[in-house]
Amino acid sequence: MKRLLEGTPLRAGAVAVALAGGLLAAPPAGAVAATGGQAVVSVSQAATSTAAARPRNGKIIYDRYTGGGGRLKIRNGTSKDGVVTLVRGRTKAVSIYVRARSSASINDVRSGTYRVYFTTGYRFSTKKRKFTKNPSYQRFDQRLRFTSTSGWSLTLNPVRGGNARTRSVNPKDFPA
């Protein structure tokens, strides 16, 4: 199965494309976070003590290029938290934190073409900007083009009928 990436301009003339991936957090002024999915039924005492340190769902972790009209919605159907990062050229633009089994959005992506990277794992260190337990690093093969009226939807987990391919990324090459 592949991940899903759907592109739907916010105005007439929508084109749908599917891709999978996602990561990054720290919501800009227009960011909206929505939680969904299932709640964790049993939590160990160790997990409870570290849960307070987790960034909130939809938190923008890095924000350099926002202020446009593009929209990105990310659905994380995995059991790991994730960070989705948009990179424009060689410059990291924005990163958003998406908790496991949740969705989050960035509503003000500037026009341009972006490569999408994402990392998933446990125990995110805000100081180091990375997961410290079981991290994985990936990027979508397809680049996303945003305009002032376009939007994209990504899934970080593989889905039936998905149309997005991803590849592993060396942690040293990941835009932290």
N, C-alpha and C. Protein backbone atom coordinates (compact mmCIF):
# COMPACT_ATOMS: atom_id res chain seq x y z
N MET A 1 0.83 -1.18 0.00
CA MET A 1 0.00 0.00 0.00
C MET A 1 0.88 1.25 0.00
N LYS A 2 0.35 2.30 -0.58
CA LYS A 2 1.05 3.57 -0.63
C LYS A 2 0.33 4.55 0.27
N ARG A 3 1.02 5.62 0.58
CA ARG A 3 0.40 6.69 1.36
C ARG A 3 -0.47 7.52 0.42
N LEU A 4 -1.33 8.31 0.99
CA LEU A 4 -2.25 9.10 0.18
C LEU A 4 -1.88 10.57 0.22
N LEU A 5 -1.88 11.18 -0.96
CA LEU A 5 -1.67 12.61 -1.08
C LEU A 5 -2.75 13.12 -2.00
N GLU A 6 -3.54 14.02 -1.51
CA GLU A 6 -4.59 14.59 -2.32
C GLU A 6 -4.37 16.08 -2.41
N GLY A 7 -4.48 16.60 -3.61
CA GLY A 7 -4.36 18.04 -3.81
C GLY A 7 -5.70 18.58 -4.26
N THR A 8 -6.19 19.54 -3.55
CA THR A 8 -7.47 20.13 -3.92
C THR A 8 -7.39 21.63 -3.75
N PRO A 9 -7.32 22.36 -4.88
CA PRO A 9 -7.31 23.81 -4.75
C PRO A 9 -8.54 24.25 -3.97
N LEU A 10 -8.42 25.33 -3.27
CA LEU A 10 -9.51 25.80 -2.44
C LEU A 10 -10.63 26.42 -3.25
N ARG A 11 -10.36 26.71 -4.53
CA ARG A 11 -11.37 27.29 -5.41
C ARG A 11 -11.66 26.33 -6.56
N ALA A 12 -12.52 26.71 -7.46
CA ALA A 12 -12.92 25.88 -8.59
C ALA A 12 -11.71 25.40 -9.38
N GLY A 13 -11.87 24.26 -10.07
CA GLY A 13 -10.80 23.71 -10.88
C GLY A 13 -9.88 22.82 -10.09
N ALA A 14 -10.43 22.09 -9.14
CA ALA A 14 -9.60 21.25 -8.27
C ALA A 14 -9.03 20.06 -9.02
N VAL A 15 -7.81 19.71 -8.67
CA VAL A 15 -7.15 18.54 -9.22
C VAL A 15 -6.76 17.67 -8.04
N ALA A 16 -7.05 16.39 -8.10
CA ALA A 16 -6.73 15.50 -6.98
C ALA A 16 -5.51 14.67 -7.29
N VAL A 17 -4.60 14.62 -6.36
CA VAL A 17 -3.41 13.81 -6.46
C VAL A 17 -3.20 13.20 -5.08
N ALA A 18 -2.70 11.99 -4.98
CA ALA A 18 -2.50 11.39 -3.67
C ALA A 18 -1.03 11.19 -3.39
N LEU A 19 -0.64 11.47 -2.15
CA LEU A 19 0.74 11.31 -1.69
C LEU A 19 0.70 10.94 -0.24
N ALA A 20 1.79 10.40 0.32
CA ALA A 20 1.79 10.07 1.72
C ALA A 20 3.00 10.62 2.39
N GLY A 21 2.86 11.05 3.61
CA GLY A 21 3.97 11.55 4.36
C GLY A 21 3.53 12.62 5.30
N GLY A 22 4.41 13.08 6.10
CA GLY A 22 4.07 14.19 6.95
C GLY A 22 4.96 14.33 8.14
N LEU A 23 5.09 15.59 8.61
CA LEU A 23 5.76 15.88 9.83
C LEU A 23 5.91 17.35 10.07
N LEU A 24 6.44 17.78 11.20
CA LEU A 24 6.73 19.13 11.63
C LEU A 24 5.61 19.77 12.42
N ALA A 25 5.99 20.66 13.33
CA ALA A 25 4.99 21.26 14.18
C ALA A 25 5.33 22.67 14.55
N ALA A 26 4.49 23.31 15.37
CA ALA A 26 4.56 24.67 15.85
C ALA A 26 3.69 25.52 14.96
N PRO A 27 2.40 25.62 15.27
CA PRO A 27 1.47 26.24 14.34
C PRO A 27 1.67 27.73 14.15
N PRO A 28 1.65 28.15 12.86
CA PRO A 28 1.70 29.58 12.60
C PRO A 28 0.36 30.18 12.94
N ALA A 29 0.23 31.46 12.72
CA ALA A 29 -0.99 32.17 13.10
C ALA A 29 -2.23 31.49 12.57
N GLY A 30 -2.19 30.91 11.37
CA GLY A 30 -3.39 30.32 10.78
C GLY A 30 -3.49 28.82 10.98
N ALA A 31 -2.68 28.23 11.82
CA ALA A 31 -2.70 26.78 11.98
C ALA A 31 -3.88 26.33 12.82
N VAL A 32 -4.41 25.17 12.43
CA VAL A 32 -5.53 24.59 13.14
C VAL A 32 -5.18 23.15 13.44
N ALA A 33 -5.43 22.69 14.63
CA ALA A 33 -5.17 21.30 14.98
C ALA A 33 -6.48 20.61 15.30
N ALA A 34 -6.59 19.38 14.82
CA ALA A 34 -7.79 18.59 15.10
C ALA A 34 -7.35 17.21 15.53
N THR A 35 -7.83 16.75 16.65
CA THR A 35 -7.48 15.41 17.08
C THR A 35 -8.60 14.47 16.71
N GLY A 36 -8.23 13.25 16.48
CA GLY A 36 -9.23 12.26 16.11
C GLY A 36 -8.65 10.89 16.32
N GLY A 37 -9.40 9.87 15.93
CA GLY A 37 -8.91 8.52 16.07
C GLY A 37 -9.22 7.97 17.44
N GLN A 38 -8.45 6.93 17.79
CA GLN A 38 -8.72 6.25 19.04
C GLN A 38 -7.81 6.75 20.15
N ALA A 39 -8.32 6.70 21.34
CA ALA A 39 -7.52 7.08 22.50
C ALA A 39 -6.71 5.88 22.95
N VAL A 40 -5.61 6.13 23.60
CA VAL A 40 -4.80 5.05 24.14
C VAL A 40 -5.50 4.51 25.37
N VAL A 41 -5.72 3.19 25.39
CA VAL A 41 -6.47 2.59 26.49
C VAL A 41 -5.60 2.36 27.71
N SER A 42 -4.40 1.82 27.52
CA SER A 42 -3.54 1.59 28.67
C SER A 42 -2.24 2.35 28.49
N VAL A 43 -1.82 3.02 29.53
CA VAL A 43 -0.62 3.84 29.48
C VAL A 43 0.26 3.43 30.66
N SER A 44 1.53 3.15 30.38
CA SER A 44 2.41 2.78 31.46
C SER A 44 2.78 4.02 32.26
N GLN A 45 3.28 3.81 33.47
CA GLN A 45 3.66 4.93 34.31
C GLN A 45 4.78 5.74 33.67
N ALA A 46 5.73 5.09 33.00
CA ALA A 46 6.83 5.79 32.35
C ALA A 46 6.29 6.65 31.21
N ALA A 47 5.36 6.12 30.44
CA ALA A 47 4.79 6.89 29.33
C ALA A 47 4.02 8.08 29.85
N THR A 48 3.36 7.93 30.97
CA THR A 48 2.60 9.03 31.55
C THR A 48 3.52 10.17 31.94
N SER A 49 4.67 9.86 32.50
CA SER A 49 5.57 10.93 32.94
C SER A 49 6.18 11.68 31.76
N THR A 50 6.37 11.00 30.60
CA THR A 50 6.93 11.70 29.45
C THR A 50 5.86 12.33 28.58
N ALA A 51 4.62 11.93 28.75
CA ALA A 51 3.55 12.46 27.90
C ALA A 51 3.40 13.97 28.09
N ALA A 52 3.65 14.47 29.28
CA ALA A 52 3.50 15.90 29.53
C ALA A 52 4.50 16.71 28.72
N ALA A 53 5.64 16.12 28.35
CA ALA A 53 6.67 16.83 27.60
C ALA A 53 6.39 16.84 26.10
N ARG A 54 5.45 16.03 25.63
CA ARG A 54 5.14 15.98 24.20
C ARG A 54 4.55 17.31 23.74
N PRO A 55 4.97 17.78 22.59
CA PRO A 55 4.32 18.97 22.05
C PRO A 55 2.85 18.68 21.78
N ARG A 56 2.02 19.70 21.81
CA ARG A 56 0.61 19.50 21.55
C ARG A 56 0.42 19.20 20.07
N ASN A 57 -0.66 18.53 19.74
CA ASN A 57 -0.96 18.23 18.36
C ASN A 57 -1.16 19.53 17.59
N GLY A 58 -0.55 19.62 16.41
CA GLY A 58 -0.68 20.80 15.59
C GLY A 58 0.30 21.92 15.92
N LYS A 59 1.19 21.69 16.87
CA LYS A 59 2.15 22.73 17.25
C LYS A 59 3.15 22.95 16.13
N ILE A 60 3.31 24.20 15.74
CA ILE A 60 4.31 24.55 14.74
C ILE A 60 5.65 24.61 15.46
N ILE A 61 6.56 23.74 15.05
CA ILE A 61 7.88 23.65 15.68
C ILE A 61 8.85 24.63 15.04
N TYR A 62 8.67 24.88 13.76
CA TYR A 62 9.55 25.79 13.04
C TYR A 62 8.70 26.55 12.02
N ASP A 63 8.92 27.86 11.91
CA ASP A 63 8.13 28.67 10.98
C ASP A 63 9.00 29.75 10.37
N ARG A 64 9.32 29.57 9.09
CA ARG A 64 10.10 30.58 8.39
C ARG A 64 9.34 31.16 7.20
N TYR A 65 8.57 30.31 6.51
CA TYR A 65 7.85 30.75 5.31
C TYR A 65 6.37 30.44 5.42
N THR A 66 5.65 31.20 6.18
CA THR A 66 4.20 31.10 6.15
C THR A 66 3.67 32.49 5.85
N GLY A 67 2.36 32.60 5.77
CA GLY A 67 1.78 33.88 5.45
C GLY A 67 1.15 33.90 4.07
N GLY A 68 0.97 32.72 3.48
CA GLY A 68 0.32 32.61 2.18
C GLY A 68 -1.09 32.06 2.34
N GLY A 69 -1.66 31.62 1.24
CA GLY A 69 -3.02 31.11 1.27
C GLY A 69 -3.12 29.62 1.05
N GLY A 70 -1.99 28.92 0.92
CA GLY A 70 -2.02 27.48 0.71
C GLY A 70 -2.34 26.75 2.00
N ARG A 71 -2.90 25.54 1.87
CA ARG A 71 -3.30 24.76 3.04
C ARG A 71 -2.76 23.35 2.93
N LEU A 72 -2.26 22.83 4.05
CA LEU A 72 -1.78 21.45 4.12
C LEU A 72 -2.46 20.77 5.30
N LYS A 73 -3.14 19.66 5.01
CA LYS A 73 -3.77 18.86 6.07
C LYS A 73 -3.03 17.53 6.14
N ILE A 74 -2.64 17.16 7.36
CA ILE A 74 -1.88 15.94 7.58
C ILE A 74 -2.66 15.01 8.50
N ARG A 75 -2.77 13.75 8.10
CA ARG A 75 -3.42 12.73 8.93
C ARG A 75 -2.37 11.70 9.29
N ASN A 76 -2.17 11.50 10.59
CA ASN A 76 -1.20 10.52 11.09
C ASN A 76 -1.98 9.34 11.64
N GLY A 77 -2.10 8.29 10.87
CA GLY A 77 -2.81 7.10 11.31
C GLY A 77 -1.90 6.06 11.95
N THR A 78 -0.68 6.45 12.28
CA THR A 78 0.26 5.51 12.88
C THR A 78 0.18 5.56 14.41
N SER A 79 0.87 4.65 15.06
CA SER A 79 0.92 4.62 16.51
C SER A 79 2.05 5.49 17.06
N LYS A 80 2.82 6.13 16.16
CA LYS A 80 3.92 7.01 16.56
C LYS A 80 3.55 8.46 16.26
N ASP A 81 4.10 9.38 17.06
CA ASP A 81 3.95 10.80 16.77
C ASP A 81 4.84 11.12 15.56
N GLY A 82 4.52 12.23 14.90
CA GLY A 82 5.29 12.59 13.72
C GLY A 82 5.53 14.09 13.62
N VAL A 83 6.53 14.43 12.83
CA VAL A 83 6.81 15.82 12.50
C VAL A 83 6.92 15.90 10.98
N VAL A 84 6.17 16.81 10.39
CA VAL A 84 6.19 17.01 8.94
C VAL A 84 6.87 18.35 8.67
N THR A 85 7.79 18.32 7.72
CA THR A 85 8.54 19.52 7.39
C THR A 85 8.45 19.80 5.89
N LEU A 86 8.15 21.05 5.57
CA LEU A 86 8.16 21.50 4.18
C LEU A 86 9.48 22.21 3.93
N VAL A 87 10.13 21.86 2.81
CA VAL A 87 11.39 22.48 2.43
C VAL A 87 11.21 23.10 1.05
N ARG A 88 11.54 24.38 0.96
CA ARG A 88 11.43 25.11 -0.31
C ARG A 88 12.84 25.37 -0.80
N GLY A 89 13.20 24.76 -1.93
CA GLY A 89 14.59 24.83 -2.40
C GLY A 89 15.48 24.11 -1.40
N ARG A 90 16.41 24.83 -0.80
CA ARG A 90 17.28 24.25 0.23
C ARG A 90 16.95 24.79 1.62
N THR A 91 15.84 25.53 1.70
CA THR A 91 15.49 26.19 2.95
C THR A 91 14.30 25.53 3.62
N LYS A 92 14.47 25.18 4.89
CA LYS A 92 13.36 24.64 5.66
C LYS A 92 12.35 25.75 5.87
N ALA A 93 11.10 25.47 5.52
CA ALA A 93 10.07 26.50 5.59
C ALA A 93 9.23 26.41 6.86
N VAL A 94 8.68 25.25 7.14
CA VAL A 94 7.79 25.10 8.29
C VAL A 94 7.74 23.63 8.70
N SER A 95 7.58 23.39 10.00
CA SER A 95 7.46 22.04 10.55
C SER A 95 6.30 22.01 11.52
N ILE A 96 5.55 20.91 11.52
CA ILE A 96 4.39 20.78 12.40
C ILE A 96 4.40 19.42 13.07
N TYR A 97 4.00 19.41 14.35
CA TYR A 97 3.95 18.19 15.14
C TYR A 97 2.55 17.58 15.01
N VAL A 98 2.49 16.30 14.65
CA VAL A 98 1.21 15.60 14.50
C VAL A 98 1.25 14.35 15.37
N ARG A 99 0.45 14.37 16.41
CA ARG A 99 0.43 13.22 17.32
C ARG A 99 -0.16 11.99 16.65
N ALA A 100 0.17 10.82 17.21
CA ALA A 100 -0.33 9.55 16.70
C ALA A 100 -1.86 9.56 16.63
N ARG A 101 -2.38 8.98 15.55
CA ARG A 101 -3.83 8.85 15.34
C ARG A 101 -4.56 10.20 15.41
N SER A 102 -3.93 11.24 14.90
CA SER A 102 -4.51 12.59 14.91
C SER A 102 -4.29 13.26 13.56
N SER A 103 -4.91 14.41 13.39
CA SER A 103 -4.75 15.23 12.19
C SER A 103 -4.40 16.64 12.61
N ALA A 104 -3.70 17.34 11.73
CA ALA A 104 -3.35 18.73 11.97
C ALA A 104 -3.24 19.44 10.63
N SER A 105 -3.34 20.77 10.66
CA SER A 105 -3.31 21.55 9.42
C SER A 105 -2.43 22.78 9.55
N ILE A 106 -1.88 23.19 8.41
CA ILE A 106 -1.22 24.47 8.28
C ILE A 106 -2.05 25.22 7.24
N ASN A 107 -2.59 26.36 7.61
CA ASN A 107 -3.53 27.07 6.73
C ASN A 107 -2.93 28.26 6.01
N ASP A 108 -1.63 28.50 6.13
CA ASP A 108 -1.06 29.69 5.51
C ASP A 108 0.30 29.43 4.86
N VAL A 109 0.35 28.40 4.00
CA VAL A 109 1.58 28.07 3.29
C VAL A 109 1.76 29.04 2.12
N ARG A 110 2.95 29.60 2.02
CA ARG A 110 3.24 30.53 0.91
C ARG A 110 3.29 29.77 -0.41
N SER A 111 2.98 30.47 -1.48
CA SER A 111 3.04 29.90 -2.83
C SER A 111 4.47 29.43 -3.12
N GLY A 112 4.58 28.29 -3.80
CA GLY A 112 5.88 27.74 -4.15
C GLY A 112 5.83 26.23 -4.21
N THR A 113 6.94 25.64 -4.56
CA THR A 113 7.06 24.19 -4.65
C THR A 113 7.90 23.70 -3.48
N TYR A 114 7.40 22.67 -2.79
CA TYR A 114 8.02 22.19 -1.57
C TYR A 114 8.27 20.69 -1.63
N ARG A 115 9.35 20.26 -1.01
CA ARG A 115 9.60 18.85 -0.77
C ARG A 115 9.08 18.59 0.64
N VAL A 116 8.44 17.43 0.85
CA VAL A 116 7.85 17.10 2.14
C VAL A 116 8.66 15.98 2.80
N TYR A 117 9.17 16.28 3.99
CA TYR A 117 9.89 15.31 4.81
C TYR A 117 9.04 15.02 6.04
N PHE A 118 9.19 13.81 6.58
CA PHE A 118 8.54 13.54 7.85
C PHE A 118 9.34 12.53 8.65
N THR A 119 9.23 12.66 9.94
CA THR A 119 9.86 11.74 10.85
C THR A 119 8.81 11.27 11.84
N THR A 120 8.91 10.02 12.25
CA THR A 120 8.01 9.50 13.27
C THR A 120 8.84 8.82 14.34
N GLY A 121 8.26 8.70 15.52
CA GLY A 121 8.97 8.05 16.61
C GLY A 121 8.31 8.34 17.94
N TYR A 122 9.06 8.12 18.99
CA TYR A 122 8.60 8.34 20.36
C TYR A 122 9.58 9.26 21.07
N ARG A 123 9.12 9.89 22.13
CA ARG A 123 9.94 10.77 22.98
C ARG A 123 10.62 11.88 22.17
N PHE A 124 9.84 12.81 21.71
CA PHE A 124 10.37 13.94 20.93
C PHE A 124 11.10 14.91 21.86
N SER A 125 12.31 15.28 21.49
CA SER A 125 13.10 16.26 22.23
C SER A 125 12.94 17.61 21.54
N THR A 126 12.28 18.55 22.20
CA THR A 126 12.11 19.87 21.60
C THR A 126 13.45 20.59 21.49
N LYS A 127 14.36 20.30 22.38
CA LYS A 127 15.68 20.93 22.34
C LYS A 127 16.48 20.45 21.13
N LYS A 128 16.46 19.13 20.89
CA LYS A 128 17.21 18.55 19.77
C LYS A 128 16.40 18.51 18.48
N ARG A 129 15.09 18.77 18.58
CA ARG A 129 14.16 18.72 17.44
C ARG A 129 14.19 17.38 16.73
N LYS A 130 14.15 16.29 17.54
CA LYS A 130 14.11 14.95 16.96
C LYS A 130 13.54 13.97 17.97
N PHE A 131 13.11 12.81 17.47
CA PHE A 131 12.63 11.74 18.33
C PHE A 131 13.84 10.98 18.86
N THR A 132 13.78 10.64 20.14
CA THR A 132 14.92 9.97 20.76
C THR A 132 14.71 8.47 20.89
N LYS A 133 13.51 7.96 20.55
CA LYS A 133 13.25 6.53 20.62
C LYS A 133 12.57 6.08 19.32
N ASN A 134 13.16 5.09 18.67
CA ASN A 134 12.65 4.47 17.45
C ASN A 134 12.30 5.48 16.34
N PRO A 135 13.22 6.38 16.01
CA PRO A 135 12.90 7.35 14.96
C PRO A 135 13.01 6.73 13.56
N SER A 136 12.21 7.23 12.64
CA SER A 136 12.35 6.90 11.23
C SER A 136 12.27 8.22 10.47
N TYR A 137 12.98 8.31 9.35
CA TYR A 137 13.07 9.54 8.58
C TYR A 137 12.73 9.23 7.12
N GLN A 138 11.77 9.97 6.57
CA GLN A 138 11.33 9.72 5.20
C GLN A 138 11.01 11.03 4.49
N ARG A 139 10.85 10.92 3.17
CA ARG A 139 10.37 12.05 2.39
C ARG A 139 9.51 11.51 1.27
N PHE A 140 8.58 12.34 0.81
CA PHE A 140 7.76 11.99 -0.33
C PHE A 140 8.55 12.19 -1.60
N ASP A 141 8.34 11.31 -2.57
CA ASP A 141 9.01 11.46 -3.86
C ASP A 141 8.46 12.66 -4.61
N GLN A 142 7.16 12.88 -4.51
CA GLN A 142 6.51 13.97 -5.24
C GLN A 142 6.64 15.28 -4.47
N ARG A 143 6.93 16.35 -5.18
CA ARG A 143 6.96 17.68 -4.58
C ARG A 143 5.56 18.27 -4.65
N LEU A 144 5.24 19.14 -3.71
CA LEU A 144 3.93 19.77 -3.67
C LEU A 144 4.04 21.22 -4.11
N ARG A 145 3.16 21.61 -5.01
CA ARG A 145 3.11 23.01 -5.47
C ARG A 145 1.91 23.68 -4.83
N PHE A 146 2.19 24.74 -4.08
CA PHE A 146 1.14 25.50 -3.42
C PHE A 146 0.94 26.82 -4.15
N THR A 147 -0.32 27.23 -4.24
CA THR A 147 -0.66 28.57 -4.71
C THR A 147 -1.51 29.19 -3.62
N SER A 148 -1.93 30.42 -3.84
CA SER A 148 -2.73 31.09 -2.82
C SER A 148 -4.12 30.47 -2.66
N THR A 149 -4.49 29.57 -3.58
CA THR A 149 -5.81 28.95 -3.49
C THR A 149 -5.77 27.43 -3.48
N SER A 150 -4.61 26.84 -3.22
CA SER A 150 -4.50 25.38 -3.29
C SER A 150 -4.35 24.76 -1.91
N GLY A 151 -4.64 23.48 -1.86
CA GLY A 151 -4.48 22.74 -0.63
C GLY A 151 -4.11 21.30 -0.92
N TRP A 152 -3.45 20.67 0.03
CA TRP A 152 -3.04 19.28 -0.09
C TRP A 152 -3.40 18.54 1.19
N SER A 153 -3.67 17.24 1.04
CA SER A 153 -3.90 16.36 2.18
C SER A 153 -2.92 15.20 2.09
N LEU A 154 -2.26 14.91 3.19
CA LEU A 154 -1.29 13.83 3.26
C LEU A 154 -1.66 12.84 4.34
N THR A 155 -1.29 11.59 4.14
CA THR A 155 -1.35 10.62 5.23
C THR A 155 0.07 10.14 5.49
N LEU A 156 0.38 9.96 6.75
CA LEU A 156 1.72 9.46 7.11
C LEU A 156 1.76 7.94 7.10
N ASN A 157 0.62 7.31 7.03
CA ASN A 157 0.53 5.86 7.02
C ASN A 157 0.07 5.38 5.65
N PRO A 158 0.50 4.18 5.25
CA PRO A 158 0.04 3.63 3.98
C PRO A 158 -1.48 3.41 4.00
N VAL A 159 -2.13 3.66 2.86
CA VAL A 159 -3.58 3.46 2.73
C VAL A 159 -3.87 2.77 1.39
N ARG A 160 -4.96 2.03 1.35
CA ARG A 160 -5.40 1.39 0.09
C ARG A 160 -5.72 2.48 -0.91
N GLY A 161 -5.26 2.29 -2.11
CA GLY A 161 -5.53 3.26 -3.16
C GLY A 161 -4.65 4.49 -3.08
N GLY A 162 -3.68 4.47 -2.18
CA GLY A 162 -2.78 5.61 -2.05
C GLY A 162 -1.94 5.79 -3.30
N ASN A 163 -1.48 7.00 -3.53
CA ASN A 163 -0.72 7.27 -4.75
C ASN A 163 0.61 7.94 -4.46
N ALA A 164 1.06 7.93 -3.25
CA ALA A 164 2.30 8.61 -2.91
C ALA A 164 3.37 7.61 -2.50
N ARG A 165 4.51 7.77 -3.09
CA ARG A 165 5.65 6.95 -2.71
C ARG A 165 6.56 7.77 -1.80
N THR A 166 7.17 7.07 -0.87
CA THR A 166 8.13 7.72 0.03
C THR A 166 9.42 6.93 0.00
N ARG A 167 10.46 7.56 0.49
CA ARG A 167 11.74 6.86 0.60
C ARG A 167 12.40 7.25 1.91
N SER A 168 13.24 6.34 2.40
CA SER A 168 13.96 6.62 3.63
C SER A 168 15.00 7.69 3.39
N VAL A 169 15.28 8.45 4.46
CA VAL A 169 16.26 9.52 4.40
C VAL A 169 17.28 9.28 5.52
N ASN A 170 18.53 9.49 5.22
CA ASN A 170 19.58 9.40 6.23
C ASN A 170 19.32 10.48 7.27
N PRO A 171 19.34 10.14 8.57
CA PRO A 171 19.08 11.14 9.62
C PRO A 171 19.95 12.39 9.48
N LYS A 172 21.18 12.25 8.97
CA LYS A 172 22.05 13.41 8.78
C LYS A 172 21.54 14.35 7.69
N ASP A 173 20.75 13.83 6.76
CA ASP A 173 20.23 14.63 5.66
C ASP A 173 18.82 15.16 5.94
N PHE A 174 18.30 14.85 7.11
CA PHE A 174 16.94 15.28 7.45
C PHE A 174 16.96 16.73 7.91
N PRO A 175 16.03 17.56 7.41
CA PRO A 175 16.01 18.97 7.83
C PRO A 175 15.46 19.15 9.24
N ALA A 176 16.34 19.09 10.23
CA ALA A 176 15.93 19.15 11.64
C ALA A 176 15.58 20.54 12.09
